[in-house]
C-alpha atoms as a PDB file:
ATOM      1  CA  MET A   1       0.000   0.000   0.000  1.00  0.00           C
ATOM      2  CA  LYS A   2       2.832   2.414   0.810  1.00  0.00           C
ATOM      3  CA  THR A   3       4.488   1.780  -2.576  1.00  0.00           C
ATOM      4  CA  GLY A   4       1.209   2.494  -4.373  1.00  0.00           C
ATOM      5  CA  SER A   5       0.749   5.826  -2.624  1.00  0.00           C
ATOM      6  CA  ASN A   6       4.381   6.772  -3.389  1.00  0.00           C
ATOM      7  CA  ILE A   7       3.860   6.039  -7.073  1.00  0.00           C
ATOM      8  CA  LEU A   8       0.648   8.063  -7.085  1.00  0.00           C
ATOM      9  CA  LEU A   9       2.441  10.993  -5.443  1.00  0.00           C
ATOM     10  CA  ILE A  10       5.228  10.872  -8.037  1.00  0.00           C
ATOM     11  CA  LEU A  11       2.695  10.807 -10.890  1.00  0.00           C
ATOM     12  CA  VAL A  12       0.816  13.787  -9.489  1.00  0.00           C
ATOM     13  CA  LEU A  13       4.061  15.765  -9.109  1.00  0.00           C
ATOM     14  CA  LEU A  14       5.121  14.925 -12.671  1.00  0.00           C
ATOM     15  CA  MET A  15       1.761  16.061 -14.020  1.00  0.00           C
ATOM     16  CA  MET A  16       2.012  19.352 -12.133  1.00  0.00           C
ATOM     17  CA  VAL A  17       5.521  20.052 -13.449  1.00  0.00           C
ATOM     18  CA  SER A  18       4.742  19.077 -17.032  1.00  0.00           C
ATOM     19  CA  CYS A  19       1.652  21.312 -17.164  1.00  0.00           C
ATOM     20  CA  ASP A  20       3.733  24.427 -16.485  1.00  0.00           C
ATOM     21  CA  GLN A  21       6.084  24.444 -19.478  1.00  0.00           C
ATOM     22  CA  LYS A  22       5.180  28.028 -20.448  1.00  0.00           C
ATOM     23  CA  ARG A  23       6.499  29.453 -17.163  1.00  0.00           C
ATOM     24  CA  THR A  24       9.497  31.721 -17.599  1.00  0.00           C
ATOM     25  CA  PHE A  25       9.277  33.566 -14.274  1.00  0.00           C
ATOM     26  CA  ASP A  26       6.983  33.011 -11.277  1.00  0.00           C
ATOM     27  CA  GLU A  27       7.576  34.574  -7.867  1.00  0.00           C
ATOM     28  CA  TYR A  28       5.451  35.544  -4.858  1.00  0.00           C
ATOM     29  CA  LYS A  29       5.741  38.025  -2.004  1.00  0.00           C
ATOM     30  CA  SER A  30       3.918  37.068   1.196  1.00  0.00           C
ATOM     31  CA  PHE A  31       1.890  39.265   3.507  1.00  0.00           C
ATOM     32  CA  SER A  32       0.603  38.177   6.897  1.00  0.00           C
ATOM     33  CA  GLY A  33      -3.075  38.309   5.984  1.00  0.00           C
ATOM     34  CA  GLU A  34      -3.056  42.053   5.237  1.00  0.00           C
ATOM     35  CA  TRP A  35      -1.491  44.145   2.512  1.00  0.00           C
ATOM     36  CA  HIS A  36      -0.542  47.604   3.770  1.00  0.00           C
ATOM     37  CA  LYS A  37      -0.947  50.426   1.234  1.00  0.00           C
ATOM     38  CA  ASP A  38       2.742  51.380   1.620  1.00  0.00           C
ATOM     39  CA  SER A  39       3.941  47.798   1.022  1.00  0.00           C
ATOM     40  CA  VAL A  40       5.124  47.376  -2.539  1.00  0.00           C
ATOM     41  CA  ALA A  41       5.697  43.902  -3.963  1.00  0.00           C
ATOM     42  CA  VAL A  42       8.936  44.165  -5.965  1.00  0.00           C
ATOM     43  CA  PHE A  43      10.028  41.555  -8.492  1.00  0.00           C
ATOM     44  CA  ASP A  44      13.456  41.664 -10.137  1.00  0.00           C
ATOM     45  CA  ILE A  45      13.165  39.914 -13.487  1.00  0.00           C
ATOM     46  CA  PRO A  46      16.257  38.021 -14.650  1.00  0.00           C
ATOM     47  CA  ASP A  47      17.484  38.310 -18.241  1.00  0.00           C
ATOM     48  CA  ILE A  48      14.849  36.848 -20.543  1.00  0.00           C
ATOM     49  CA  ASP A  49      15.233  35.635 -24.125  1.00  0.00           C
ATOM     50  CA  THR A  50      14.725  38.702 -26.309  1.00  0.00           C
ATOM     51  CA  THR A  51      13.545  36.708 -29.337  1.00  0.00           C
ATOM     52  CA  GLY A  52      10.350  35.383 -27.739  1.00  0.00           C
ATOM     53  CA  LYS A  53       6.984  36.863 -26.893  1.00  0.00           C
ATOM     54  CA  TYR A  54       5.533  36.681 -23.394  1.00  0.00           C
ATOM     55  CA  ASN A  55       2.270  37.134 -21.518  1.00  0.00           C
ATOM     56  CA  LEU A  56       2.482  38.842 -18.112  1.00  0.00           C
ATOM     57  CA  PHE A  57       0.232  38.172 -15.109  1.00  0.00           C
ATOM     58  CA  VAL A  58      -0.274  39.502 -11.595  1.00  0.00           C
ATOM     59  CA  ASN A  59      -1.259  36.661  -9.258  1.00  0.00           C
ATOM     60  CA  LEU A  60      -3.152  37.294  -6.044  1.00  0.00           C
ATOM     61  CA  ARG A  61      -3.876  34.857  -3.252  1.00  0.00           C
ATOM     62  CA  ALA A  62      -6.791  36.021  -1.143  1.00  0.00           C
ATOM     63  CA  ASN A  63      -9.034  34.511   1.505  1.00  0.00           C
ATOM     64  CA  SER A  64     -12.620  35.126   2.576  1.00  0.00           C
ATOM     65  CA  ALA A  65     -11.519  38.047   4.800  1.00  0.00           C
ATOM     66  CA  TYR A  66     -11.130  40.167   1.643  1.00  0.00           C
ATOM     67  CA  PRO A  67     -13.946  42.727   2.074  1.00  0.00           C
ATOM     68  CA  PHE A  68     -14.404  44.050  -1.485  1.00  0.00           C
ATOM     69  CA  ASN A  69     -15.718  42.764  -4.821  1.00  0.00           C
ATOM     70  CA  ASN A  70     -12.839  44.220  -6.810  1.00  0.00           C
ATOM     71  CA  ILE A  71      -9.261  45.387  -6.416  1.00  0.00           C
ATOM     72  CA  PHE A  72      -7.313  48.274  -7.908  1.00  0.00           C
ATOM     73  CA  LEU A  73      -3.600  47.770  -8.535  1.00  0.00           C
ATOM     74  CA  ILE A  74      -0.842  50.084  -9.644  1.00  0.00           C
ATOM     75  CA  VAL A  75       1.766  48.127 -11.584  1.00  0.00           C
ATOM     76  CA  SER A  76       5.076  49.725 -12.546  1.00  0.00           C
ATOM     77  CA  MET A  77       7.355  48.108 -15.094  1.00  0.00           C
ATOM     78  CA  GLU A  78      10.870  49.533 -14.968  1.00  0.00           C
ATOM     79  CA  HIS A  79      12.622  48.893 -18.280  1.00  0.00           C
ATOM     80  CA  PRO A  80      16.387  48.925 -18.854  1.00  0.00           C
ATOM     81  CA  GLY A  81      17.545  52.500 -19.383  1.00  0.00           C
ATOM     82  CA  ARG A  82      15.284  53.954 -16.666  1.00  0.00           C
ATOM     83  CA  LEU A  83      12.025  54.044 -18.650  1.00  0.00           C
ATOM     84  CA  THR A  84       9.103  53.243 -16.322  1.00  0.00           C
ATOM     85  CA  GLN A  85       5.638  52.298 -17.520  1.00  0.00           C
ATOM     86  CA  VAL A  86       2.843  52.654 -14.936  1.00  0.00           C
ATOM     87  CA  ASP A  87      -0.620  51.110 -15.268  1.00  0.00           C
ATOM     88  CA  THR A  88      -3.647  51.331 -12.996  1.00  0.00           C
ATOM     89  CA  LEU A  89      -5.646  48.111 -13.188  1.00  0.00           C
ATOM     90  CA  GLU A  90      -8.980  46.953 -11.831  1.00  0.00           C
ATOM     91  CA  TYR A  91      -9.897  43.297 -11.368  1.00  0.00           C
ATOM     92  CA  GLN A  92     -13.002  41.573 -10.047  1.00  0.00           C
ATOM     93  CA  MET A  93     -12.277  39.490  -6.935  1.00  0.00           C
ATOM     94  CA  ALA A  94     -15.760  38.242  -5.946  1.00  0.00           C
ATOM     95  CA  ASP A  95     -19.039  37.408  -7.657  1.00  0.00           C
ATOM     96  CA  ALA A  96     -22.375  39.155  -7.035  1.00  0.00           C
ATOM     97  CA  GLU A  97     -23.056  36.948  -3.980  1.00  0.00           C
ATOM     98  CA  GLY A  98     -19.676  37.787  -2.437  1.00  0.00           C
ATOM     99  CA  ASN A  99     -18.005  34.451  -3.218  1.00  0.00           C
ATOM    100  CA  MET A 100     -14.289  34.790  -3.914  1.00  0.00           C
ATOM    101  CA  LEU A 101     -13.271  34.129  -7.510  1.00  0.00           C
ATOM    102  CA  GLY A 102     -10.164  32.196  -8.423  1.00  0.00           C
ATOM    103  CA  ASP A 103      -8.792  28.697  -8.093  1.00  0.00           C
ATOM    104  CA  GLY A 104      -8.379  26.760  -4.877  1.00  0.00           C
ATOM    105  CA  PHE A 105      -9.983  24.137  -2.682  1.00  0.00           C
ATOM    106  CA  SER A 106      -9.889  26.001   0.629  1.00  0.00           C
ATOM    107  CA  ASP A 107     -10.938  29.529   1.527  1.00  0.00           C
ATOM    108  CA  VAL A 108      -7.700  30.785  -0.104  1.00  0.00           C
ATOM    109  CA  LYS A 109      -8.274  31.495  -3.784  1.00  0.00           C
ATOM    110  CA  GLU A 110      -5.610  32.263  -6.342  1.00  0.00           C
ATOM    111  CA  SER A 111      -6.471  34.707  -9.100  1.00  0.00           C
ATOM    112  CA  LYS A 112      -4.293  34.849 -12.204  1.00  0.00           C
ATOM    113  CA  LEU A 113      -4.887  38.380 -13.456  1.00  0.00           C
ATOM    114  CA  PHE A 114      -3.920  39.209 -17.003  1.00  0.00           C
ATOM    115  CA  TYR A 115      -1.552  42.204 -17.235  1.00  0.00           C
ATOM    116  CA  LYS A 116       0.008  42.375 -20.741  1.00  0.00           C
ATOM    117  CA  GLU A 117       0.180  40.133 -23.797  1.00  0.00           C
ATOM    118  CA  ASN A 118       2.764  39.489 -26.511  1.00  0.00           C
ATOM    119  CA  VAL A 119       5.494  41.471 -24.769  1.00  0.00           C
ATOM    120  CA  ARG A 120       9.015  41.426 -26.168  1.00  0.00           C
ATOM    121  CA  PHE A 121      11.792  42.121 -23.700  1.00  0.00           C
ATOM    122  CA  LYS A 122      14.962  44.059 -24.470  1.00  0.00           C
ATOM    123  CA  LYS A 123      18.352  43.051 -23.184  1.00  0.00           C
ATOM    124  CA  GLY A 124      18.799  44.126 -19.583  1.00  0.00           C
ATOM    125  CA  ARG A 125      17.132  43.964 -16.194  1.00  0.00           C
ATOM    126  CA  TYR A 126      13.471  44.674 -15.559  1.00  0.00           C
ATOM    127  CA  ARG A 127      11.801  45.373 -12.242  1.00  0.00           C
ATOM    128  CA  MET A 128       8.084  45.021 -11.559  1.00  0.00           C
ATOM    129  CA  LYS A 129       6.385  46.816  -8.671  1.00  0.00           C
ATOM    130  CA  VAL A 130       2.821  46.079  -7.566  1.00  0.00           C
ATOM    131  CA  ARG A 131       0.864  47.987  -4.941  1.00  0.00           C
ATOM    132  CA  HIS A 132      -2.812  48.255  -4.188  1.00  0.00           C
ATOM    133  CA  ALA A 133      -4.888  51.401  -4.613  1.00  0.00           C
ATOM    134  CA  VAL A 134      -8.171  50.331  -3.023  1.00  0.00           C
ATOM    135  CA  ARG A 135     -10.457  53.046  -1.675  1.00  0.00           C
ATOM    136  CA  GLU A 136     -13.815  52.846   0.012  1.00  0.00           C
ATOM    137  CA  SER A 137     -16.716  54.516  -1.812  1.00  0.00           C
ATOM    138  CA  GLY A 138     -16.871  58.230  -1.086  1.00  0.00           C
ATOM    139  CA  LYS A 139     -13.472  58.385   0.626  1.00  0.00           C
ATOM    140  CA  VAL A 140     -10.338  60.048  -0.679  1.00  0.00           C
ATOM    141  CA  ASP A 141      -7.730  58.192   1.364  1.00  0.00           C
ATOM    142  CA  GLY A 142      -6.899  54.666   0.350  1.00  0.00           C
ATOM    143  CA  VAL A 143      -7.547  51.646   2.541  1.00  0.00           C
ATOM    144  CA  ALA A 144      -4.560  51.572   4.899  1.00  0.00           C
ATOM    145  CA  SER A 145      -4.468  47.823   5.372  1.00  0.00           C
ATOM    146  CA  LEU A 146      -6.194  45.520   2.917  1.00  0.00           C
ATOM    147  CA  LYS A 147      -7.360  42.401   4.752  1.00  0.00           C
ATOM    148  CA  GLY A 148      -7.481  38.999   3.094  1.00  0.00           C
ATOM    149  CA  ILE A 149      -4.603  39.367   0.631  1.00  0.00           C
ATOM    150  CA  THR A 150      -1.973  36.835   1.657  1.00  0.00           C
ATOM    151  CA  GLU A 151       0.374  36.854  -1.353  1.00  0.00           C
ATOM    152  CA  VAL A 152       1.091  38.856  -4.485  1.00  0.00           C
ATOM    153  CA  GLY A 153       2.893  37.252  -7.378  1.00  0.00           C
ATOM    154  CA  PHE A 154       4.180  38.084 -10.802  1.00  0.00           C
ATOM    155  CA  ARG A 155       4.309  35.535 -13.615  1.00  0.00           C
ATOM    156  CA  ILE A 156       5.765  35.560 -17.106  1.00  0.00           C
ATOM    157  CA  GLU A 157       4.706  32.867 -19.604  1.00  0.00           C
ATOM    158  CA  SER A 158       6.114  32.251 -23.052  1.00  0.00           C
ATOM    159  CA  VAL A 159       3.687  32.530 -25.959  1.00  0.00           C
ATOM    160  CA  GLU A 160       3.694  29.469 -28.177  1.00  0.00           C
END
């Protein structure tokens, strides 16, 4: 029985690894259940093949403590040569009934949020910065500490 479960575990691990052949970069920054508005998730991107095209994603892991239906993010992409591109993005995090969207079997759901498609990188180092810009309706100041966000990730996938 122990040998059978070991073989099953190995097969599951092989399937998980083989299904992720597009991954070029995938990294997460953890928060202890809250994402403070001054906390910036920074990702230093290693040199990437300049001949390929890539899709870019922001990944969020959130639990049921997340109090909003959507999230606003400010994503900065620092290119080699000091050019910085800044985008403000909005993503839906919950359905109309308040159920968290995303993948996962527990109360933690992972959302793979599309950022850019068919990107070509130049030679040199890139840096991605992600911070939240959530505000409550009718208020000017942003939410100081965003509950329910446990991790923020950045992913780069090759386009086939």
